[in-house]
N, C-alpha and C. Protein backbone atom coordinates (compact mmCIF):
# COMPACT_ATOMS: atom_id res chain seq x y z
N UNK A 1 -4.72 -0.66 2.04
CA UNK A 1 -5.96 -1.36 1.79
C UNK A 1 -6.51 -1.80 3.13
N UNK A 2 -7.79 -1.57 3.30
CA UNK A 2 -8.48 -1.98 4.51
C UNK A 2 -9.67 -2.84 4.11
N UNK A 3 -9.80 -4.00 4.73
CA UNK A 3 -10.94 -4.88 4.49
C UNK A 3 -11.61 -5.15 5.83
N UNK A 4 -12.93 -4.93 5.87
CA UNK A 4 -13.68 -5.14 7.10
C UNK A 4 -14.89 -6.01 6.80
N UNK A 5 -15.00 -7.14 7.52
CA UNK A 5 -16.12 -8.05 7.25
C UNK A 5 -17.33 -7.67 8.11
N UNK A 6 -18.45 -8.36 7.87
CA UNK A 6 -19.69 -8.05 8.57
C UNK A 6 -19.65 -8.45 10.04
N UNK A 7 -18.62 -9.17 10.48
CA UNK A 7 -18.46 -9.55 11.88
C UNK A 7 -17.60 -8.55 12.65
N UNK A 8 -17.09 -7.53 11.95
CA UNK A 8 -16.29 -6.50 12.60
C UNK A 8 -14.79 -6.71 12.53
N UNK A 9 -14.34 -7.80 11.91
CA UNK A 9 -12.91 -8.05 11.76
C UNK A 9 -12.34 -7.09 10.72
N UNK A 10 -11.27 -6.39 11.08
CA UNK A 10 -10.64 -5.45 10.15
C UNK A 10 -9.22 -5.90 9.86
N UNK A 11 -8.87 -6.00 8.59
CA UNK A 11 -7.54 -6.40 8.15
C UNK A 11 -6.95 -5.28 7.31
N UNK A 12 -5.63 -5.04 7.47
CA UNK A 12 -4.97 -3.95 6.75
C UNK A 12 -3.71 -4.44 6.08
N UNK A 13 -3.41 -3.89 4.92
CA UNK A 13 -2.17 -4.13 4.19
C UNK A 13 -1.69 -2.80 3.64
N UNK A 14 -0.38 -2.61 3.58
CA UNK A 14 0.19 -1.37 3.07
C UNK A 14 1.31 -1.69 2.08
N UNK A 15 1.38 -0.90 1.03
CA UNK A 15 2.46 -1.00 0.04
C UNK A 15 3.00 0.40 -0.17
N UNK A 16 4.33 0.56 -0.15
CA UNK A 16 4.95 1.87 -0.32
C UNK A 16 5.88 1.86 -1.52
N UNK A 17 5.87 2.96 -2.24
CA UNK A 17 6.78 3.18 -3.36
C UNK A 17 7.60 4.42 -3.02
N UNK A 18 8.93 4.35 -3.12
CA UNK A 18 9.76 5.48 -2.70
C UNK A 18 11.15 5.40 -3.34
N UNK A 19 11.86 6.50 -3.27
CA UNK A 19 13.25 6.53 -3.69
C UNK A 19 14.12 6.19 -2.50
N UNK A 20 15.19 5.47 -2.75
CA UNK A 20 16.15 5.20 -1.67
C UNK A 20 17.53 5.61 -2.15
N UNK A 21 18.36 5.97 -1.20
CA UNK A 21 19.75 6.29 -1.50
C UNK A 21 20.64 5.18 -1.02
N UNK A 22 21.56 4.75 -1.87
CA UNK A 22 22.51 3.69 -1.51
C UNK A 22 23.92 4.24 -1.45
N UNK A 23 24.75 3.65 -0.57
CA UNK A 23 26.16 4.00 -0.56
C UNK A 23 26.91 3.10 -1.55
N UNK A 24 28.21 3.19 -1.58
CA UNK A 24 29.00 2.40 -2.53
C UNK A 24 28.88 0.90 -2.30
N UNK A 25 28.55 0.49 -1.07
CA UNK A 25 28.41 -0.93 -0.75
C UNK A 25 26.99 -1.45 -0.95
N UNK A 26 26.07 -0.57 -1.39
CA UNK A 26 24.70 -0.99 -1.64
C UNK A 26 23.78 -0.91 -0.44
N UNK A 27 24.24 -0.33 0.67
CA UNK A 27 23.42 -0.20 1.87
C UNK A 27 22.59 1.09 1.80
N UNK A 28 21.34 1.03 2.32
CA UNK A 28 20.46 2.19 2.29
C UNK A 28 21.00 3.26 3.24
N UNK A 29 21.06 4.50 2.72
CA UNK A 29 21.54 5.64 3.50
C UNK A 29 20.57 6.80 3.40
N UNK A 30 20.58 7.66 4.40
CA UNK A 30 19.67 8.81 4.43
C UNK A 30 20.41 10.14 4.29
N UNK A 31 21.62 10.22 4.76
CA UNK A 31 22.38 11.47 4.68
C UNK A 31 22.88 11.74 3.26
N UNK A 32 22.71 12.98 2.80
CA UNK A 32 23.11 13.33 1.42
C UNK A 32 24.59 13.05 1.19
N UNK A 33 25.44 13.23 2.20
CA UNK A 33 26.87 13.00 2.05
C UNK A 33 27.21 11.52 1.93
N UNK A 34 26.30 10.64 2.30
CA UNK A 34 26.54 9.20 2.24
C UNK A 34 26.02 8.58 0.94
N UNK A 35 25.08 9.24 0.29
CA UNK A 35 24.41 8.66 -0.87
C UNK A 35 25.27 8.79 -2.12
N UNK A 36 25.50 7.68 -2.76
CA UNK A 36 26.28 7.65 -3.99
C UNK A 36 25.43 7.29 -5.20
N UNK A 37 24.24 6.71 -4.95
CA UNK A 37 23.36 6.28 -6.04
C UNK A 37 21.91 6.36 -5.54
N UNK A 38 21.02 6.84 -6.41
CA UNK A 38 19.59 6.89 -6.09
C UNK A 38 18.90 5.76 -6.82
N UNK A 39 18.14 4.96 -6.09
CA UNK A 39 17.35 3.89 -6.67
C UNK A 39 15.90 4.34 -6.62
N UNK A 40 15.28 4.47 -7.78
CA UNK A 40 13.93 5.00 -7.87
C UNK A 40 12.92 3.85 -7.81
N UNK A 41 12.25 3.73 -6.68
CA UNK A 41 11.21 2.71 -6.50
C UNK A 41 9.85 3.37 -6.38
N UNK A 42 9.70 4.57 -6.97
CA UNK A 42 8.43 5.28 -6.89
C UNK A 42 7.46 4.77 -7.94
N UNK A 43 6.20 5.07 -7.72
CA UNK A 43 5.17 4.77 -8.69
C UNK A 43 5.13 5.94 -9.67
N UNK A 44 5.50 5.71 -10.90
CA UNK A 44 5.63 6.78 -11.89
C UNK A 44 4.26 7.29 -12.34
N UNK A 45 4.18 8.57 -12.74
CA UNK A 45 2.90 9.13 -13.21
C UNK A 45 2.35 8.34 -14.40
N UNK A 46 1.04 8.12 -14.38
CA UNK A 46 0.29 7.45 -15.44
C UNK A 46 0.67 5.99 -15.65
N UNK A 47 1.43 5.42 -14.73
CA UNK A 47 1.80 4.00 -14.82
C UNK A 47 0.92 3.22 -13.85
N UNK A 48 0.28 2.17 -14.34
CA UNK A 48 -0.55 1.33 -13.49
C UNK A 48 0.28 0.20 -12.91
N UNK A 49 0.01 -0.11 -11.65
CA UNK A 49 0.72 -1.18 -10.96
C UNK A 49 -0.31 -2.12 -10.36
N UNK A 50 -0.28 -3.37 -10.74
CA UNK A 50 -1.22 -4.35 -10.19
C UNK A 50 -0.61 -4.96 -8.93
N UNK A 51 -1.45 -5.05 -7.91
CA UNK A 51 -1.04 -5.66 -6.65
C UNK A 51 -2.07 -6.71 -6.27
N UNK A 52 -1.63 -7.76 -5.60
CA UNK A 52 -2.53 -8.80 -5.12
C UNK A 52 -2.39 -8.91 -3.61
N UNK A 53 -3.53 -8.94 -2.95
CA UNK A 53 -3.56 -9.11 -1.50
C UNK A 53 -4.51 -10.26 -1.18
N UNK A 54 -4.14 -11.06 -0.21
CA UNK A 54 -4.98 -12.17 0.23
C UNK A 54 -5.35 -11.95 1.68
N UNK A 55 -6.63 -11.84 1.94
CA UNK A 55 -7.14 -11.69 3.29
C UNK A 55 -7.92 -12.95 3.65
N UNK A 56 -7.75 -13.42 4.87
CA UNK A 56 -8.50 -14.58 5.34
C UNK A 56 -9.47 -14.12 6.42
N UNK A 57 -10.76 -14.24 6.12
CA UNK A 57 -11.80 -13.87 7.06
C UNK A 57 -12.29 -15.11 7.78
N UNK A 58 -13.04 -14.91 8.85
CA UNK A 58 -13.64 -16.03 9.57
C UNK A 58 -14.62 -16.75 8.65
N UNK A 59 -14.83 -18.02 8.90
CA UNK A 59 -15.70 -18.84 8.04
C UNK A 59 -17.13 -18.36 8.00
N UNK A 60 -17.60 -17.71 9.08
CA UNK A 60 -19.00 -17.28 9.11
C UNK A 60 -19.21 -15.87 8.54
N UNK A 61 -18.17 -15.25 8.00
CA UNK A 61 -18.33 -13.93 7.37
C UNK A 61 -19.06 -14.09 6.03
N UNK A 62 -20.01 -13.22 5.79
CA UNK A 62 -20.79 -13.32 4.55
C UNK A 62 -20.49 -12.19 3.57
N UNK A 63 -19.90 -11.10 4.05
CA UNK A 63 -19.54 -9.99 3.16
C UNK A 63 -18.42 -9.17 3.78
N UNK A 64 -17.81 -8.32 2.95
CA UNK A 64 -16.72 -7.46 3.41
C UNK A 64 -16.71 -6.17 2.60
N UNK A 65 -16.35 -5.10 3.27
CA UNK A 65 -16.14 -3.81 2.61
C UNK A 65 -14.63 -3.64 2.45
N UNK A 66 -14.18 -3.40 1.22
CA UNK A 66 -12.76 -3.22 0.93
C UNK A 66 -12.56 -1.79 0.44
N UNK A 67 -11.61 -1.10 1.05
CA UNK A 67 -11.30 0.28 0.67
C UNK A 67 -9.81 0.39 0.36
N UNK A 68 -9.51 0.99 -0.78
CA UNK A 68 -8.13 1.25 -1.18
C UNK A 68 -7.93 2.75 -1.21
N UNK A 69 -6.91 3.23 -0.51
CA UNK A 69 -6.55 4.64 -0.49
C UNK A 69 -5.14 4.81 -1.02
N UNK A 70 -4.93 5.81 -1.87
CA UNK A 70 -3.62 6.12 -2.40
C UNK A 70 -3.22 7.50 -1.90
N UNK A 71 -2.10 7.56 -1.19
CA UNK A 71 -1.60 8.80 -0.62
C UNK A 71 -0.31 9.21 -1.32
N UNK A 72 -0.09 10.52 -1.42
CA UNK A 72 1.16 11.06 -1.95
C UNK A 72 1.85 11.81 -0.82
N UNK A 73 3.08 11.41 -0.52
CA UNK A 73 3.86 12.05 0.55
C UNK A 73 4.99 12.84 -0.07
N UNK A 74 4.97 14.16 0.16
CA UNK A 74 6.05 14.99 -0.38
C UNK A 74 7.22 15.04 0.58
N UNK A 75 6.94 15.15 1.88
CA UNK A 75 8.01 15.28 2.85
C UNK A 75 8.22 14.02 3.68
N UNK A 76 7.36 13.06 3.53
CA UNK A 76 7.47 11.83 4.32
C UNK A 76 6.62 11.86 5.57
N UNK A 77 6.12 13.04 5.96
CA UNK A 77 5.33 13.16 7.19
C UNK A 77 3.85 13.36 6.90
N UNK A 78 3.52 14.30 6.03
CA UNK A 78 2.12 14.61 5.75
C UNK A 78 1.75 14.06 4.38
N UNK A 79 0.78 13.16 4.35
CA UNK A 79 0.34 12.59 3.09
C UNK A 79 -0.99 13.16 2.64
N UNK A 80 -1.12 13.36 1.34
CA UNK A 80 -2.38 13.82 0.77
C UNK A 80 -3.04 12.65 0.05
N UNK A 81 -4.32 12.39 0.38
CA UNK A 81 -5.04 11.31 -0.29
C UNK A 81 -5.38 11.79 -1.70
N UNK A 82 -4.91 11.04 -2.72
CA UNK A 82 -5.16 11.45 -4.10
C UNK A 82 -6.12 10.49 -4.81
N UNK A 83 -6.43 9.35 -4.19
CA UNK A 83 -7.36 8.41 -4.82
C UNK A 83 -7.94 7.50 -3.73
N UNK A 84 -9.20 7.17 -3.89
CA UNK A 84 -9.84 6.24 -2.96
C UNK A 84 -10.94 5.48 -3.71
N UNK A 85 -11.03 4.18 -3.44
CA UNK A 85 -12.08 3.38 -4.06
C UNK A 85 -12.53 2.33 -3.04
N UNK A 86 -13.84 2.16 -2.94
CA UNK A 86 -14.42 1.16 -2.03
C UNK A 86 -15.30 0.20 -2.82
N UNK A 87 -15.35 -1.02 -2.33
CA UNK A 87 -16.18 -2.04 -2.98
C UNK A 87 -16.71 -2.99 -1.91
N UNK A 88 -17.96 -3.38 -2.04
CA UNK A 88 -18.55 -4.35 -1.12
C UNK A 88 -18.53 -5.72 -1.79
N UNK A 89 -17.97 -6.70 -1.10
CA UNK A 89 -17.87 -8.05 -1.61
C UNK A 89 -18.81 -8.96 -0.84
N UNK A 90 -19.48 -9.86 -1.53
CA UNK A 90 -20.34 -10.85 -0.88
C UNK A 90 -19.75 -12.22 -1.14
N UNK A 91 -19.69 -13.03 -0.07
CA UNK A 91 -19.14 -14.36 -0.19
C UNK A 91 -20.25 -15.37 -0.41
N UNK A 92 -20.04 -16.27 -1.36
CA UNK A 92 -21.03 -17.27 -1.71
C UNK A 92 -20.47 -18.65 -1.44
N UNK A 93 -21.25 -19.49 -0.78
CA UNK A 93 -20.81 -20.88 -0.54
C UNK A 93 -21.05 -21.69 -1.79
N UNK A 94 -20.13 -22.59 -2.05
CA UNK A 94 -20.27 -23.46 -3.23
C UNK A 94 -20.78 -24.81 -2.84
């Protein structure tokens, strides 16, 4: 997620969903010979996941453009963008 206000301040947040391999002691491992259990932390097909992010902009910011991009990584190196949504927010003083 990227949020950019009208003053040029850009804020970023990232969330990752992935499978991890654990050894017998519960430590994360990468080598196939070390992995004894797979823990699936992926985002499953057709399952919605709500996330909350809090960004703090400067007090004089009046609006912000927020863009959310969803990437799918098959090999861990090259990601394909499979979803993107942008929204313009306006801040109102109370």
